[in-house]
Amino acid sequence: IMGAYGVSITTFAGQNFGAGKYDRIKKSVRICLGLAAVTSLFLSFIVLNFGGTILLLFTRDTNVINICIGMMRVISPAYITYICIEILSGTCRGCGDSFFPMLLTCFGVCVLRILWITIAVPLRHEVATVAFSYPLTWTITSILFILYYKRGKWMQKDTLRNALEALDNGAAMAEWEGASESDRRRRQRELDRLRKKRESPPGPRKKLTRPKPQKFKYKT
């Protein structure tokens, strides 16, 4: 379900980023985080209270059910910490920034989890120790994504085509009235840079030389 929220915010953020409506991107992030939080709390409640009944659909072994319930009690309460990974990374990818979200996800979800299992499991050889790697890595990765999202560099990768359209289109400029002051200042700096780039004379064209065809001699 969290993956569905991530794909939805990626599509919505990409559409509004292309239209230059940055205020709608941030608004959609807040709404999507709220929906994902409510969903995660609801699912955690279902799993914690009815997890044993759900497990009966898959197994009748008492030992297996007890182990699964123990894992649920460790992972389910922290499921809400996972929502920032999907929502914020999907927002960044929709706005054209996919490299740093990939690094954060690989480091937080993969590397840290392997380090935890390598270091902690030999010290405390229990299933709960392995299960605790999920809320631990979710929390750390979510904090990294929140810091990266707050810095706002993921929104600075605007395309030249969209920026020039906003520069030449008066209706697009009028849409700034609903944007925040920081978005308007950033957008204005970007448009000033593109205006100078468009008005600057083009450099000399490079001549392309085609390689001469080689003659092959065949021996008979």
N, C-alpha and C. Protein backbone atom coordinates (compact mmCIF):
# COMPACT_ATOMS: atom_id res chain seq x y z
N ILE A 1 0.83 -1.21 0.00
CA ILE A 1 0.00 0.00 0.00
C ILE A 1 0.86 1.25 0.00
N MET A 2 1.96 1.24 0.78
CA MET A 2 2.86 2.40 0.79
C MET A 2 3.52 2.60 -0.58
N GLY A 3 3.78 1.49 -1.27
CA GLY A 3 4.32 1.60 -2.62
C GLY A 3 3.35 2.29 -3.57
N ALA A 4 2.05 2.04 -3.37
CA ALA A 4 1.04 2.71 -4.21
C ALA A 4 1.04 4.21 -3.95
N TYR A 5 1.16 4.61 -2.69
CA TYR A 5 1.26 6.05 -2.38
C TYR A 5 2.51 6.65 -3.02
N GLY A 6 3.61 5.91 -2.99
CA GLY A 6 4.85 6.43 -3.59
C GLY A 6 4.73 6.63 -5.08
N VAL A 7 4.11 5.68 -5.77
CA VAL A 7 3.93 5.82 -7.23
C VAL A 7 2.98 6.97 -7.53
N SER A 8 1.94 7.14 -6.74
CA SER A 8 0.97 8.23 -6.96
C SER A 8 1.63 9.59 -6.82
N ILE A 9 2.42 9.78 -5.75
CA ILE A 9 3.04 11.09 -5.54
C ILE A 9 4.12 11.34 -6.59
N THR A 10 4.75 10.28 -7.10
CA THR A 10 5.74 10.47 -8.17
C THR A 10 5.07 11.03 -9.42
N THR A 11 3.93 10.47 -9.80
CA THR A 11 3.20 10.94 -10.97
C THR A 11 2.68 12.36 -10.77
N PHE A 12 2.08 12.62 -9.63
CA PHE A 12 1.50 13.93 -9.38
C PHE A 12 2.58 15.00 -9.28
N ALA A 13 3.69 14.70 -8.61
CA ALA A 13 4.77 15.67 -8.50
C ALA A 13 5.40 15.96 -9.86
N GLY A 14 5.54 14.92 -10.69
CA GLY A 14 6.11 15.14 -12.01
C GLY A 14 5.24 16.04 -12.88
N GLN A 15 3.92 15.86 -12.82
CA GLN A 15 3.02 16.71 -13.60
C GLN A 15 3.08 18.16 -13.16
N ASN A 16 3.06 18.40 -11.86
CA ASN A 16 3.08 19.77 -11.36
C ASN A 16 4.47 20.40 -11.50
N PHE A 17 5.50 19.60 -11.43
CA PHE A 17 6.84 20.13 -11.64
C PHE A 17 7.01 20.60 -13.08
N GLY A 18 6.48 19.83 -14.02
CA GLY A 18 6.54 20.24 -15.41
C GLY A 18 5.74 21.49 -15.69
N ALA A 19 4.65 21.70 -14.94
CA ALA A 19 3.83 22.89 -15.11
C ALA A 19 4.33 24.08 -14.30
N GLY A 20 5.37 23.86 -13.49
CA GLY A 20 5.91 24.95 -12.69
C GLY A 20 5.09 25.28 -11.45
N LYS A 21 4.19 24.39 -11.03
CA LYS A 21 3.35 24.64 -9.86
C LYS A 21 3.97 23.97 -8.63
N TYR A 22 5.01 24.60 -8.12
CA TYR A 22 5.77 24.00 -7.03
C TYR A 22 4.99 24.01 -5.71
N ASP A 23 4.10 24.97 -5.54
CA ASP A 23 3.32 24.99 -4.31
C ASP A 23 2.39 23.78 -4.22
N ARG A 24 1.89 23.33 -5.35
CA ARG A 24 1.02 22.14 -5.35
C ARG A 24 1.81 20.88 -5.03
N ILE A 25 3.09 20.85 -5.38
CA ILE A 25 3.91 19.68 -5.05
C ILE A 25 4.02 19.54 -3.53
N LYS A 26 4.35 20.64 -2.86
CA LYS A 26 4.49 20.58 -1.41
C LYS A 26 3.16 20.28 -0.73
N LYS A 27 2.09 20.82 -1.28
CA LYS A 27 0.77 20.54 -0.70
C LYS A 27 0.42 19.06 -0.87
N SER A 28 0.71 18.50 -2.03
CA SER A 28 0.42 17.08 -2.26
C SER A 28 1.27 16.19 -1.36
N VAL A 29 2.49 16.62 -1.06
CA VAL A 29 3.33 15.84 -0.15
C VAL A 29 2.71 15.79 1.24
N ARG A 30 2.21 16.92 1.71
CA ARG A 30 1.57 16.94 3.03
C ARG A 30 0.33 16.06 3.06
N ILE A 31 -0.48 16.14 2.01
CA ILE A 31 -1.70 15.33 1.97
C ILE A 31 -1.36 13.84 1.90
N CYS A 32 -0.39 13.50 1.06
CA CYS A 32 -0.02 12.09 0.89
C CYS A 32 0.60 11.53 2.18
N LEU A 33 1.40 12.34 2.88
CA LEU A 33 1.95 11.89 4.15
C LEU A 33 0.84 11.65 5.17
N GLY A 34 -0.16 12.51 5.17
CA GLY A 34 -1.28 12.31 6.08
C GLY A 34 -2.06 11.04 5.77
N LEU A 35 -2.33 10.80 4.49
CA LEU A 35 -3.05 9.59 4.10
C LEU A 35 -2.24 8.34 4.43
N ALA A 36 -0.94 8.39 4.15
CA ALA A 36 -0.09 7.24 4.43
C ALA A 36 0.02 6.99 5.93
N ALA A 37 0.06 8.06 6.73
CA ALA A 37 0.14 7.89 8.18
C ALA A 37 -1.13 7.24 8.73
N VAL A 38 -2.29 7.70 8.27
CA VAL A 38 -3.54 7.10 8.72
C VAL A 38 -3.62 5.64 8.30
N THR A 39 -3.20 5.35 7.08
CA THR A 39 -3.23 3.97 6.59
C THR A 39 -2.30 3.08 7.40
N SER A 40 -1.10 3.57 7.69
CA SER A 40 -0.15 2.76 8.46
C SER A 40 -0.64 2.50 9.88
N LEU A 41 -1.23 3.50 10.51
CA LEU A 41 -1.77 3.31 11.85
C LEU A 41 -2.93 2.30 11.86
N PHE A 42 -3.77 2.38 10.82
CA PHE A 42 -4.88 1.43 10.72
C PHE A 42 -4.37 0.00 10.52
N LEU A 43 -3.39 -0.16 9.63
CA LEU A 43 -2.84 -1.50 9.39
C LEU A 43 -2.12 -2.03 10.62
N SER A 44 -1.41 -1.15 11.34
CA SER A 44 -0.73 -1.58 12.56
C SER A 44 -1.75 -2.05 13.59
N PHE A 45 -2.86 -1.35 13.69
CA PHE A 45 -3.92 -1.76 14.63
C PHE A 45 -4.49 -3.12 14.25
N ILE A 46 -4.72 -3.34 12.98
CA ILE A 46 -5.27 -4.63 12.53
C ILE A 46 -4.29 -5.76 12.81
N VAL A 47 -3.02 -5.54 12.49
CA VAL A 47 -2.03 -6.59 12.67
C VAL A 47 -1.81 -6.92 14.14
N LEU A 48 -1.74 -5.87 14.98
CA LEU A 48 -1.48 -6.11 16.40
C LEU A 48 -2.65 -6.79 17.10
N ASN A 49 -3.87 -6.51 16.69
CA ASN A 49 -5.03 -7.06 17.37
C ASN A 49 -5.57 -8.34 16.74
N PHE A 50 -5.38 -8.48 15.44
CA PHE A 50 -5.94 -9.65 14.75
C PHE A 50 -4.87 -10.43 13.99
N GLY A 51 -3.60 -10.22 14.35
CA GLY A 51 -2.52 -10.91 13.64
C GLY A 51 -2.58 -12.42 13.80
N GLY A 52 -2.91 -12.88 15.01
CA GLY A 52 -3.00 -14.33 15.22
C GLY A 52 -4.07 -14.97 14.38
N THR A 53 -5.20 -14.31 14.25
CA THR A 53 -6.29 -14.85 13.43
C THR A 53 -5.90 -14.87 11.95
N ILE A 54 -5.22 -13.83 11.50
CA ILE A 54 -4.79 -13.79 10.10
C ILE A 54 -3.78 -14.89 9.81
N LEU A 55 -2.90 -15.17 10.76
CA LEU A 55 -1.88 -16.21 10.55
C LEU A 55 -2.48 -17.60 10.42
N LEU A 56 -3.67 -17.81 10.98
CA LEU A 56 -4.32 -19.11 10.85
C LEU A 56 -4.68 -19.43 9.41
N LEU A 57 -4.73 -18.42 8.55
CA LEU A 57 -4.99 -18.68 7.13
C LEU A 57 -3.80 -19.32 6.45
N PHE A 58 -2.63 -19.23 7.06
CA PHE A 58 -1.41 -19.73 6.42
C PHE A 58 -0.82 -20.94 7.14
N THR A 59 -0.99 -21.03 8.44
CA THR A 59 -0.39 -22.15 9.17
C THR A 59 -1.19 -22.44 10.43
N ARG A 60 -1.08 -23.68 10.91
CA ARG A 60 -1.70 -24.09 12.16
C ARG A 60 -0.65 -24.43 13.22
N ASP A 61 0.61 -24.26 12.87
CA ASP A 61 1.69 -24.58 13.79
C ASP A 61 1.77 -23.50 14.87
N THR A 62 1.67 -23.91 16.13
CA THR A 62 1.67 -22.95 17.23
C THR A 62 3.00 -22.23 17.35
N ASN A 63 4.10 -22.93 17.16
CA ASN A 63 5.42 -22.31 17.27
C ASN A 63 5.62 -21.24 16.20
N VAL A 64 5.21 -21.55 15.00
CA VAL A 64 5.34 -20.58 13.91
C VAL A 64 4.49 -19.34 14.18
N ILE A 65 3.28 -19.55 14.68
CA ILE A 65 2.38 -18.43 14.98
C ILE A 65 2.97 -17.56 16.08
N ASN A 66 3.55 -18.17 17.11
CA ASN A 66 4.14 -17.39 18.20
C ASN A 66 5.34 -16.57 17.71
N ILE A 67 6.16 -17.15 16.84
CA ILE A 67 7.30 -16.41 16.29
C ILE A 67 6.83 -15.23 15.45
N CYS A 68 5.82 -15.46 14.62
CA CYS A 68 5.30 -14.38 13.77
C CYS A 68 4.66 -13.27 14.60
N ILE A 69 3.95 -13.63 15.64
CA ILE A 69 3.34 -12.60 16.49
C ILE A 69 4.42 -11.76 17.18
N GLY A 70 5.50 -12.42 17.60
CA GLY A 70 6.60 -11.67 18.19
C GLY A 70 7.23 -10.69 17.22
N MET A 71 7.37 -11.09 15.95
CA MET A 71 7.91 -10.18 14.94
C MET A 71 6.93 -9.04 14.66
N MET A 72 5.64 -9.35 14.65
CA MET A 72 4.65 -8.30 14.42
C MET A 72 4.68 -7.24 15.50
N ARG A 73 4.88 -7.66 16.74
CA ARG A 73 4.90 -6.70 17.84
C ARG A 73 6.11 -5.78 17.78
N VAL A 74 7.15 -6.20 17.09
CA VAL A 74 8.34 -5.35 16.93
C VAL A 74 8.21 -4.44 15.72
N ILE A 75 7.70 -4.97 14.61
CA ILE A 75 7.70 -4.23 13.35
C ILE A 75 6.46 -3.35 13.20
N SER A 76 5.29 -3.86 13.54
CA SER A 76 4.04 -3.15 13.25
C SER A 76 3.94 -1.77 13.90
N PRO A 77 4.30 -1.58 15.18
CA PRO A 77 4.17 -0.23 15.75
C PRO A 77 5.03 0.81 15.06
N ALA A 78 6.10 0.39 14.41
CA ALA A 78 7.01 1.33 13.75
C ALA A 78 6.74 1.46 12.25
N TYR A 79 5.65 0.89 11.78
CA TYR A 79 5.37 0.93 10.34
C TYR A 79 5.18 2.36 9.84
N ILE A 80 4.77 3.25 10.74
CA ILE A 80 4.55 4.65 10.33
C ILE A 80 5.87 5.33 9.97
N THR A 81 6.99 4.83 10.49
CA THR A 81 8.28 5.44 10.16
C THR A 81 8.71 5.15 8.72
N TYR A 82 8.02 4.25 8.06
CA TYR A 82 8.39 3.90 6.68
C TYR A 82 7.80 4.85 5.63
N ILE A 83 6.79 5.63 6.02
CA ILE A 83 6.05 6.39 5.01
C ILE A 83 6.91 7.47 4.36
N CYS A 84 7.84 8.08 5.09
CA CYS A 84 8.67 9.14 4.51
C CYS A 84 9.58 8.60 3.42
N ILE A 85 9.99 7.34 3.55
CA ILE A 85 10.86 6.75 2.53
C ILE A 85 10.14 6.69 1.20
N GLU A 86 8.90 6.25 1.20
CA GLU A 86 8.15 6.13 -0.04
C GLU A 86 7.68 7.48 -0.57
N ILE A 87 7.13 8.33 0.30
CA ILE A 87 6.52 9.58 -0.16
C ILE A 87 7.58 10.58 -0.60
N LEU A 88 8.58 10.81 0.22
CA LEU A 88 9.58 11.83 -0.10
C LEU A 88 10.49 11.38 -1.25
N SER A 89 10.84 10.10 -1.27
CA SER A 89 11.67 9.63 -2.39
C SER A 89 10.88 9.66 -3.69
N GLY A 90 9.58 9.32 -3.63
CA GLY A 90 8.76 9.41 -4.84
C GLY A 90 8.61 10.83 -5.33
N THR A 91 8.52 11.79 -4.42
CA THR A 91 8.44 13.20 -4.81
C THR A 91 9.72 13.64 -5.51
N CYS A 92 10.85 13.28 -4.96
CA CYS A 92 12.13 13.66 -5.57
C CYS A 92 12.29 13.03 -6.95
N ARG A 93 11.93 11.78 -7.08
CA ARG A 93 12.04 11.12 -8.38
C ARG A 93 11.10 11.75 -9.40
N GLY A 94 9.91 12.14 -8.98
CA GLY A 94 8.99 12.78 -9.90
C GLY A 94 9.49 14.12 -10.40
N CYS A 95 10.32 14.79 -9.61
CA CYS A 95 10.88 16.09 -10.01
C CYS A 95 12.23 15.95 -10.70
N GLY A 96 12.61 14.72 -11.05
CA GLY A 96 13.82 14.51 -11.83
C GLY A 96 15.05 14.20 -11.03
N ASP A 97 14.95 14.09 -9.72
CA ASP A 97 16.11 13.81 -8.88
C ASP A 97 15.98 12.39 -8.36
N SER A 98 16.66 11.47 -9.00
CA SER A 98 16.56 10.06 -8.62
C SER A 98 17.86 9.50 -8.06
N PHE A 99 18.99 10.20 -8.26
CA PHE A 99 20.28 9.64 -7.84
C PHE A 99 20.44 9.64 -6.33
N PHE A 100 20.22 10.80 -5.69
CA PHE A 100 20.40 10.87 -4.24
C PHE A 100 19.34 10.06 -3.49
N PRO A 101 18.07 10.05 -3.89
CA PRO A 101 17.13 9.13 -3.23
C PRO A 101 17.56 7.67 -3.34
N MET A 102 18.16 7.30 -4.47
CA MET A 102 18.65 5.94 -4.61
C MET A 102 19.78 5.66 -3.62
N LEU A 103 20.70 6.63 -3.45
CA LEU A 103 21.79 6.44 -2.49
C LEU A 103 21.27 6.35 -1.06
N LEU A 104 20.33 7.23 -0.71
CA LEU A 104 19.78 7.20 0.64
C LEU A 104 19.06 5.89 0.93
N THR A 105 18.31 5.40 -0.05
CA THR A 105 17.59 4.15 0.15
C THR A 105 18.56 2.97 0.27
N CYS A 106 19.55 2.94 -0.59
CA CYS A 106 20.52 1.83 -0.54
C CYS A 106 21.29 1.84 0.78
N PHE A 107 21.69 3.03 1.23
CA PHE A 107 22.44 3.11 2.48
C PHE A 107 21.57 2.80 3.68
N GLY A 108 20.38 3.41 3.73
CA GLY A 108 19.55 3.26 4.92
C GLY A 108 18.87 1.91 5.01
N VAL A 109 18.34 1.43 3.90
CA VAL A 109 17.55 0.19 3.94
C VAL A 109 18.42 -1.05 3.79
N CYS A 110 19.47 -0.95 2.99
CA CYS A 110 20.29 -2.13 2.71
C CYS A 110 21.55 -2.19 3.58
N VAL A 111 22.40 -1.17 3.49
CA VAL A 111 23.69 -1.21 4.17
C VAL A 111 23.52 -1.23 5.69
N LEU A 112 22.70 -0.33 6.23
CA LEU A 112 22.51 -0.29 7.67
C LEU A 112 21.89 -1.58 8.20
N ARG A 113 20.99 -2.16 7.43
CA ARG A 113 20.35 -3.40 7.88
C ARG A 113 21.35 -4.55 7.92
N ILE A 114 22.22 -4.60 6.94
CA ILE A 114 23.25 -5.65 6.93
C ILE A 114 24.22 -5.44 8.09
N LEU A 115 24.60 -4.18 8.34
CA LEU A 115 25.50 -3.91 9.46
C LEU A 115 24.86 -4.30 10.80
N TRP A 116 23.57 -4.00 10.96
CA TRP A 116 22.89 -4.35 12.20
C TRP A 116 22.86 -5.86 12.41
N ILE A 117 22.53 -6.59 11.35
CA ILE A 117 22.47 -8.04 11.47
C ILE A 117 23.86 -8.62 11.74
N THR A 118 24.88 -8.03 11.11
CA THR A 118 26.24 -8.53 11.30
C THR A 118 26.75 -8.29 12.71
N ILE A 119 26.40 -7.13 13.27
CA ILE A 119 26.94 -6.76 14.59
C ILE A 119 26.03 -7.21 15.73
N ALA A 120 24.72 -6.98 15.61
CA ALA A 120 23.83 -7.18 16.75
C ALA A 120 23.38 -8.63 16.92
N VAL A 121 23.15 -9.32 15.83
CA VAL A 121 22.61 -10.69 15.95
C VAL A 121 23.57 -11.63 16.67
N PRO A 122 24.88 -11.59 16.42
CA PRO A 122 25.78 -12.46 17.22
C PRO A 122 25.76 -12.14 18.71
N LEU A 123 25.48 -10.88 19.07
CA LEU A 123 25.44 -10.52 20.49
C LEU A 123 24.14 -10.97 21.15
N ARG A 124 23.05 -10.93 20.38
CA ARG A 124 21.74 -11.34 20.91
C ARG A 124 21.05 -12.18 19.85
N HIS A 125 21.22 -13.46 19.94
CA HIS A 125 20.78 -14.38 18.90
C HIS A 125 19.28 -14.67 19.07
N GLU A 126 18.44 -13.70 18.66
CA GLU A 126 17.00 -13.85 18.77
C GLU A 126 16.34 -13.34 17.49
N VAL A 127 15.12 -13.82 17.27
CA VAL A 127 14.36 -13.37 16.10
C VAL A 127 14.00 -11.89 16.24
N ALA A 128 13.73 -11.45 17.46
CA ALA A 128 13.37 -10.06 17.68
C ALA A 128 14.50 -9.11 17.31
N THR A 129 15.74 -9.57 17.46
CA THR A 129 16.89 -8.74 17.07
C THR A 129 16.92 -8.53 15.56
N VAL A 130 16.63 -9.59 14.83
CA VAL A 130 16.56 -9.46 13.37
C VAL A 130 15.39 -8.57 12.96
N ALA A 131 14.25 -8.75 13.60
CA ALA A 131 13.07 -7.95 13.26
C ALA A 131 13.27 -6.48 13.58
N PHE A 132 14.06 -6.19 14.62
CA PHE A 132 14.28 -4.79 15.00
C PHE A 132 15.07 -4.03 13.94
N SER A 133 15.71 -4.72 13.00
CA SER A 133 16.44 -4.03 11.94
C SER A 133 15.51 -3.24 11.04
N TYR A 134 14.25 -3.65 10.95
CA TYR A 134 13.30 -2.93 10.10
C TYR A 134 12.94 -1.56 10.68
N PRO A 135 12.41 -1.46 11.90
CA PRO A 135 12.11 -0.12 12.42
C PRO A 135 13.35 0.75 12.58
N LEU A 136 14.49 0.15 12.89
CA LEU A 136 15.71 0.93 13.04
C LEU A 136 16.12 1.59 11.73
N THR A 137 16.18 0.81 10.67
CA THR A 137 16.60 1.36 9.38
C THR A 137 15.52 2.26 8.78
N TRP A 138 14.25 1.96 9.02
CA TRP A 138 13.18 2.85 8.55
C TRP A 138 13.31 4.22 9.19
N THR A 139 13.56 4.26 10.49
CA THR A 139 13.64 5.54 11.19
C THR A 139 14.83 6.36 10.71
N ILE A 140 15.99 5.73 10.60
CA ILE A 140 17.19 6.46 10.17
C ILE A 140 17.04 6.96 8.74
N THR A 141 16.53 6.10 7.85
CA THR A 141 16.37 6.51 6.45
C THR A 141 15.33 7.61 6.32
N SER A 142 14.25 7.56 7.09
CA SER A 142 13.24 8.61 7.05
C SER A 142 13.82 9.95 7.50
N ILE A 143 14.65 9.92 8.53
CA ILE A 143 15.29 11.16 8.98
C ILE A 143 16.19 11.74 7.89
N LEU A 144 16.93 10.88 7.20
CA LEU A 144 17.78 11.35 6.10
C LEU A 144 16.95 11.95 4.98
N PHE A 145 15.82 11.33 4.65
CA PHE A 145 14.96 11.87 3.59
C PHE A 145 14.32 13.19 4.01
N ILE A 146 13.94 13.32 5.27
CA ILE A 146 13.36 14.58 5.73
C ILE A 146 14.37 15.71 5.63
N LEU A 147 15.61 15.44 6.03
CA LEU A 147 16.66 16.47 5.93
C LEU A 147 16.93 16.84 4.48
N TYR A 148 16.98 15.83 3.61
CA TYR A 148 17.21 16.11 2.19
C TYR A 148 16.04 16.87 1.57
N TYR A 149 14.83 16.52 1.97
CA TYR A 149 13.65 17.21 1.44
C TYR A 149 13.60 18.66 1.92
N LYS A 150 13.96 18.91 3.16
CA LYS A 150 13.92 20.26 3.69
C LYS A 150 14.95 21.17 3.03
N ARG A 151 16.06 20.61 2.60
CA ARG A 151 17.08 21.43 1.93
C ARG A 151 16.58 21.97 0.60
N GLY A 152 15.73 21.22 -0.08
CA GLY A 152 15.06 21.71 -1.28
C GLY A 152 15.87 21.64 -2.56
N LYS A 153 17.05 21.02 -2.56
CA LYS A 153 17.84 20.96 -3.78
C LYS A 153 17.22 20.05 -4.83
N TRP A 154 16.32 19.18 -4.42
CA TRP A 154 15.67 18.28 -5.37
C TRP A 154 14.74 19.04 -6.31
N MET A 155 14.36 20.29 -5.96
CA MET A 155 13.47 21.08 -6.83
C MET A 155 14.24 22.00 -7.76
N GLN A 156 15.54 22.03 -7.71
CA GLN A 156 16.32 22.95 -8.50
C GLN A 156 16.74 22.39 -9.84
N LYS A 157 16.24 21.22 -10.20
CA LYS A 157 16.61 20.60 -11.46
C LYS A 157 15.51 20.81 -12.49
N ASP A 158 15.19 22.06 -12.72
CA ASP A 158 14.15 22.38 -13.70
C ASP A 158 14.71 22.18 -15.11
N THR A 159 13.83 21.93 -16.04
CA THR A 159 14.25 21.75 -17.42
C THR A 159 14.28 23.08 -18.15
N LEU A 160 15.13 23.18 -19.15
CA LEU A 160 15.25 24.41 -19.92
C LEU A 160 13.97 24.70 -20.69
N ARG A 161 13.33 23.68 -21.19
CA ARG A 161 12.13 23.89 -21.99
C ARG A 161 11.02 24.49 -21.14
N ASN A 162 10.76 23.93 -19.98
CA ASN A 162 9.69 24.45 -19.13
C ASN A 162 9.99 25.84 -18.62
N ALA A 163 11.26 26.10 -18.33
CA ALA A 163 11.61 27.43 -17.82
C ALA A 163 11.44 28.49 -18.91
N LEU A 164 11.82 28.18 -20.14
CA LEU A 164 11.66 29.15 -21.22
C LEU A 164 10.19 29.37 -21.54
N GLU A 165 9.38 28.33 -21.42
CA GLU A 165 7.95 28.53 -21.61
C GLU A 165 7.38 29.46 -20.56
N ALA A 166 7.82 29.30 -19.32
CA ALA A 166 7.35 30.19 -18.28
C ALA A 166 7.87 31.61 -18.48
N LEU A 167 9.04 31.75 -19.09
CA LEU A 167 9.60 33.07 -19.34
C LEU A 167 8.84 33.80 -20.43
N ASP A 168 8.38 33.09 -21.44
CA ASP A 168 7.70 33.71 -22.57
C ASP A 168 6.19 33.76 -22.40
N ASN A 169 5.65 33.02 -21.46
CA ASN A 169 4.21 32.92 -21.31
C ASN A 169 3.77 33.77 -20.12
N GLY A 170 3.00 34.81 -20.39
CA GLY A 170 2.54 35.67 -19.31
C GLY A 170 1.59 34.98 -18.37
N ALA A 171 0.80 34.02 -18.87
CA ALA A 171 -0.12 33.30 -18.00
C ALA A 171 0.63 32.47 -16.98
N ALA A 172 1.75 31.88 -17.42
CA ALA A 172 2.55 31.10 -16.48
C ALA A 172 3.16 31.98 -15.41
N MET A 173 3.54 33.20 -15.78
CA MET A 173 4.09 34.12 -14.78
C MET A 173 3.02 34.51 -13.77
N ALA A 174 1.77 34.59 -14.21
CA ALA A 174 0.70 34.97 -13.29
C ALA A 174 0.44 33.88 -12.24
N GLU A 175 0.84 32.64 -12.54
CA GLU A 175 0.63 31.57 -11.59
C GLU A 175 1.52 31.71 -10.36
N TRP A 176 2.51 32.58 -10.41
CA TRP A 176 3.40 32.76 -9.27
C TRP A 176 2.66 33.39 -8.09
N GLU A 177 1.52 34.00 -8.35
CA GLU A 177 0.81 34.68 -7.27
C GLU A 177 0.42 33.72 -6.15
N GLY A 178 0.18 32.47 -6.49
CA GLY A 178 -0.19 31.50 -5.48
C GLY A 178 1.00 30.78 -4.87
N ALA A 179 2.21 31.03 -5.39
CA ALA A 179 3.40 30.35 -4.88
C ALA A 179 3.96 31.10 -3.67
N SER A 180 4.78 30.41 -2.92
CA SER A 180 5.40 31.02 -1.75
C SER A 180 6.51 31.97 -2.19
N GLU A 181 6.96 32.80 -1.26
CA GLU A 181 7.98 33.79 -1.59
C GLU A 181 9.30 33.13 -1.95
N SER A 182 9.67 32.07 -1.24
CA SER A 182 10.93 31.39 -1.55
C SER A 182 10.89 30.75 -2.93
N ASP A 183 9.73 30.17 -3.32
CA ASP A 183 9.61 29.58 -4.65
C ASP A 183 9.71 30.63 -5.73
N ARG A 184 9.11 31.80 -5.51
CA ARG A 184 9.17 32.85 -6.51
C ARG A 184 10.59 33.39 -6.67
N ARG A 185 11.30 33.55 -5.56
CA ARG A 185 12.68 34.04 -5.65
C ARG A 185 13.56 33.04 -6.37
N ARG A 186 13.38 31.75 -6.04
CA ARG A 186 14.20 30.74 -6.70
C ARG A 186 13.88 30.66 -8.18
N ARG A 187 12.58 30.75 -8.51
CA ARG A 187 12.17 30.70 -9.91
C ARG A 187 12.68 31.92 -10.68
N GLN A 188 12.67 33.07 -10.03
CA GLN A 188 13.14 34.28 -10.69
C GLN A 188 14.63 34.20 -10.98
N ARG A 189 15.42 33.67 -10.05
CA ARG A 189 16.85 33.51 -10.29
C ARG A 189 17.10 32.55 -11.44
N GLU A 190 16.32 31.49 -11.50
CA GLU A 190 16.50 30.52 -12.58
C GLU A 190 16.14 31.13 -13.93
N LEU A 191 15.07 31.91 -13.98
CA LEU A 191 14.67 32.53 -15.24
C LEU A 191 15.66 33.60 -15.66
N ASP A 192 16.24 34.34 -14.72
CA ASP A 192 17.27 35.32 -15.07
C ASP A 192 18.49 34.63 -15.67
N ARG A 193 18.86 33.50 -15.11
CA ARG A 193 20.00 32.77 -15.66
C ARG A 193 19.71 32.26 -17.06
N LEU A 194 18.48 31.75 -17.27
CA LEU A 194 18.14 31.25 -18.59
C LEU A 194 18.00 32.38 -19.60
N ARG A 195 17.54 33.56 -19.14
CA ARG A 195 17.44 34.69 -20.06
C ARG A 195 18.83 35.11 -20.55
N LYS A 196 19.79 35.14 -19.66
CA LYS A 196 21.17 35.47 -20.06
C LYS A 196 21.73 34.41 -20.98
N LYS A 197 21.40 33.17 -20.69
CA LYS A 197 21.91 32.08 -21.53
C LYS A 197 21.32 32.15 -22.93
N ARG A 198 20.04 32.51 -23.03
CA ARG A 198 19.40 32.59 -24.33
C ARG A 198 19.88 33.80 -25.12
N GLU A 199 20.16 34.92 -24.43
CA GLU A 199 20.60 36.13 -25.12
C GLU A 199 22.07 36.13 -25.45
N SER A 200 22.85 35.26 -24.83
CA SER A 200 24.29 35.22 -25.12
C SER A 200 24.52 34.64 -26.49
N PRO A 201 25.53 35.16 -27.24
CA PRO A 201 25.79 34.64 -28.59
C PRO A 201 26.29 33.21 -28.55
N PRO A 202 25.86 32.41 -29.48
CA PRO A 202 26.33 31.03 -29.48
C PRO A 202 27.80 30.94 -29.82
N GLY A 203 28.46 29.95 -29.31
CA GLY A 203 29.87 29.76 -29.59
C GLY A 203 30.09 29.18 -30.97
N PRO A 204 31.34 29.09 -31.37
CA PRO A 204 31.64 28.54 -32.70
C PRO A 204 31.24 27.09 -32.81
N ARG A 205 30.71 26.75 -33.97
CA ARG A 205 30.30 25.38 -34.18
C ARG A 205 31.50 24.48 -34.40
N LYS A 206 31.41 23.31 -33.87
CA LYS A 206 32.48 22.35 -34.05
C LYS A 206 32.29 21.60 -35.36
N LYS A 207 33.39 21.48 -36.10
CA LYS A 207 33.33 20.74 -37.35
C LYS A 207 33.49 19.25 -37.07
N LEU A 208 32.59 18.52 -37.66
CA LEU A 208 32.63 17.08 -37.51
C LEU A 208 33.33 16.47 -38.72
N THR A 209 34.35 15.74 -38.47
CA THR A 209 35.11 15.09 -39.55
C THR A 209 34.73 13.62 -39.60
N ARG A 210 34.36 13.21 -40.78
CA ARG A 210 34.02 11.81 -40.95
C ARG A 210 35.28 10.98 -41.20
N PRO A 211 35.38 9.85 -40.60
CA PRO A 211 36.57 9.01 -40.86
C PRO A 211 36.57 8.50 -42.29
N LYS A 212 37.76 8.46 -42.85
CA LYS A 212 37.89 7.98 -44.22
C LYS A 212 37.68 6.47 -44.27
N PRO A 213 36.96 6.02 -45.27
CA PRO A 213 36.75 4.56 -45.37
C PRO A 213 38.05 3.84 -45.66
N GLN A 214 38.25 2.76 -45.00
CA GLN A 214 39.46 1.98 -45.20
C GLN A 214 39.28 1.00 -46.35
N LYS A 215 40.36 0.84 -47.08
CA LYS A 215 40.35 -0.11 -48.19
C LYS A 215 40.93 -1.43 -47.72
N PHE A 216 40.20 -2.45 -47.93
CA PHE A 216 40.62 -3.77 -47.53
C PHE A 216 41.07 -4.55 -48.77
N LYS A 217 42.23 -5.16 -48.66
CA LYS A 217 42.75 -6.01 -49.73
C LYS A 217 42.58 -7.47 -49.36
N TYR A 218 41.92 -8.15 -50.23
CA TYR A 218 41.66 -9.57 -50.00
C TYR A 218 42.66 -10.39 -50.80
N LYS A 219 43.29 -11.30 -50.10
CA LYS A 219 44.23 -12.19 -50.77
C LYS A 219 43.52 -13.44 -51.25
N THR A 220 43.82 -13.81 -52.46
CA THR A 220 43.21 -15.02 -53.02
C THR A 220 44.23 -16.14 -53.08
